[in-house]
Amino acid sequence: MKYILFEDFSGMPVPFIFPDRVDHADMREQMPYTLVLAAGYVHMRQGQFYCHGGAPELEATARAEDAAIIRDFFLRDEAE
């Protein structure tokens, strides 16, 4: 799967995860957020997220903290 991590209107990071067949640039055009924080590929193995690669067309790469941001986003939704 691919992902883009945006900064939302309140300044918080918001991940969008989508299929590999969709281009990062095409997904970027669909989102209302202006700032791309990171982008790349995300995989889940044994219950943990791993992010790597990047999206040169967005001038963005995966960062070390992205997997934790994605994990926390999903955990937050479970807690609500």
Protein backbone atom coordinates (compact mmCIF):
# COMPACT_ATOMS: atom_id res chain seq x y z
CA MET A 1 0.00 0.00 0.00
CA LYS A 2 1.02 3.62 -0.46
CA TYR A 3 0.56 6.49 1.94
CA ILE A 4 0.69 10.25 2.13
CA LEU A 5 0.94 12.02 5.45
CA PHE A 6 -0.67 15.46 5.35
CA GLU A 7 -0.85 18.24 7.92
CA ASP A 8 -4.53 18.96 8.58
CA PHE A 9 -6.04 22.39 9.19
CA SER A 10 -5.33 22.16 12.92
CA GLY A 11 -1.66 21.29 12.37
CA MET A 12 -2.02 17.57 13.13
CA PRO A 13 -0.60 14.82 10.88
CA VAL A 14 -3.25 12.82 9.00
CA PRO A 15 -2.30 9.67 7.07
CA PHE A 16 -4.05 8.51 3.91
CA ILE A 17 -3.40 4.92 2.88
CA PHE A 18 -4.35 3.76 -0.60
CA PRO A 19 -3.65 0.96 -3.13
CA ASP A 20 -0.36 0.73 -5.03
CA ARG A 21 -2.15 1.15 -8.36
CA VAL A 22 -3.04 4.78 -7.47
CA ASP A 23 -0.27 7.31 -8.05
CA HIS A 24 0.83 9.51 -5.17
CA ALA A 25 0.28 12.60 -7.35
CA ASP A 26 -3.26 11.54 -8.26
CA MET A 27 -4.16 11.00 -4.59
CA ARG A 28 -2.54 14.32 -3.67
CA GLU A 29 -4.86 16.14 -6.08
CA GLN A 30 -7.91 14.71 -4.29
CA MET A 31 -7.00 15.95 -0.82
CA PRO A 32 -7.90 19.39 0.56
CA TYR A 33 -4.77 19.69 2.71
CA THR A 34 -1.93 21.89 1.49
CA LEU A 35 1.14 20.49 3.28
CA VAL A 36 2.54 17.02 2.52
CA LEU A 37 4.70 15.90 5.44
CA ALA A 38 5.81 12.55 4.00
CA ALA A 39 4.89 9.89 1.46
CA GLY A 40 5.94 6.42 0.47
CA TYR A 41 4.93 2.82 1.00
CA VAL A 42 3.49 1.24 4.13
CA HIS A 43 3.33 -2.43 5.10
CA MET A 44 2.06 -4.22 8.17
CA ARG A 45 4.01 -7.20 9.46
CA GLN A 46 3.20 -9.00 12.69
CA GLY A 47 0.97 -6.13 13.80
CA GLN A 48 3.52 -3.37 13.17
CA PHE A 49 3.61 -0.74 10.44
CA TYR A 50 6.73 -0.18 8.34
CA CYS A 51 7.18 2.83 6.05
CA HIS A 52 9.78 3.18 3.31
CA GLY A 53 10.50 4.75 -0.06
CA GLY A 54 9.05 8.01 -1.18
CA ALA A 55 7.13 9.93 -3.79
CA PRO A 56 9.57 11.94 -5.91
CA GLU A 57 6.69 13.61 -7.75
CA LEU A 58 5.63 15.14 -4.40
CA GLU A 59 9.21 15.75 -3.28
CA ALA A 60 8.43 13.65 -0.20
CA THR A 61 10.00 10.60 1.41
CA ALA A 62 9.11 8.20 4.19
CA ARG A 63 10.38 9.27 7.61
CA ALA A 64 11.30 7.26 10.69
CA GLU A 65 8.31 8.58 12.67
CA ASP A 66 5.66 7.87 10.01
CA ALA A 67 4.92 4.30 11.12
CA ALA A 68 4.21 5.47 14.68
CA ILE A 69 1.94 8.28 13.43
CA ILE A 70 -0.05 5.80 11.32
CA ARG A 71 -0.27 3.32 14.24
CA ASP A 72 -1.42 6.03 16.64
CA PHE A 73 -4.04 7.21 14.13
CA PHE A 74 -5.56 3.72 14.02
CA LEU A 75 -5.36 3.29 17.81
CA ARG A 76 -7.06 6.65 18.33
CA ASP A 77 -9.97 5.52 16.17
CA GLU A 78 -10.33 2.33 18.25
CA ALA A 79 -10.43 4.31 21.49
CA GLU A 80 -13.33 6.51 20.35
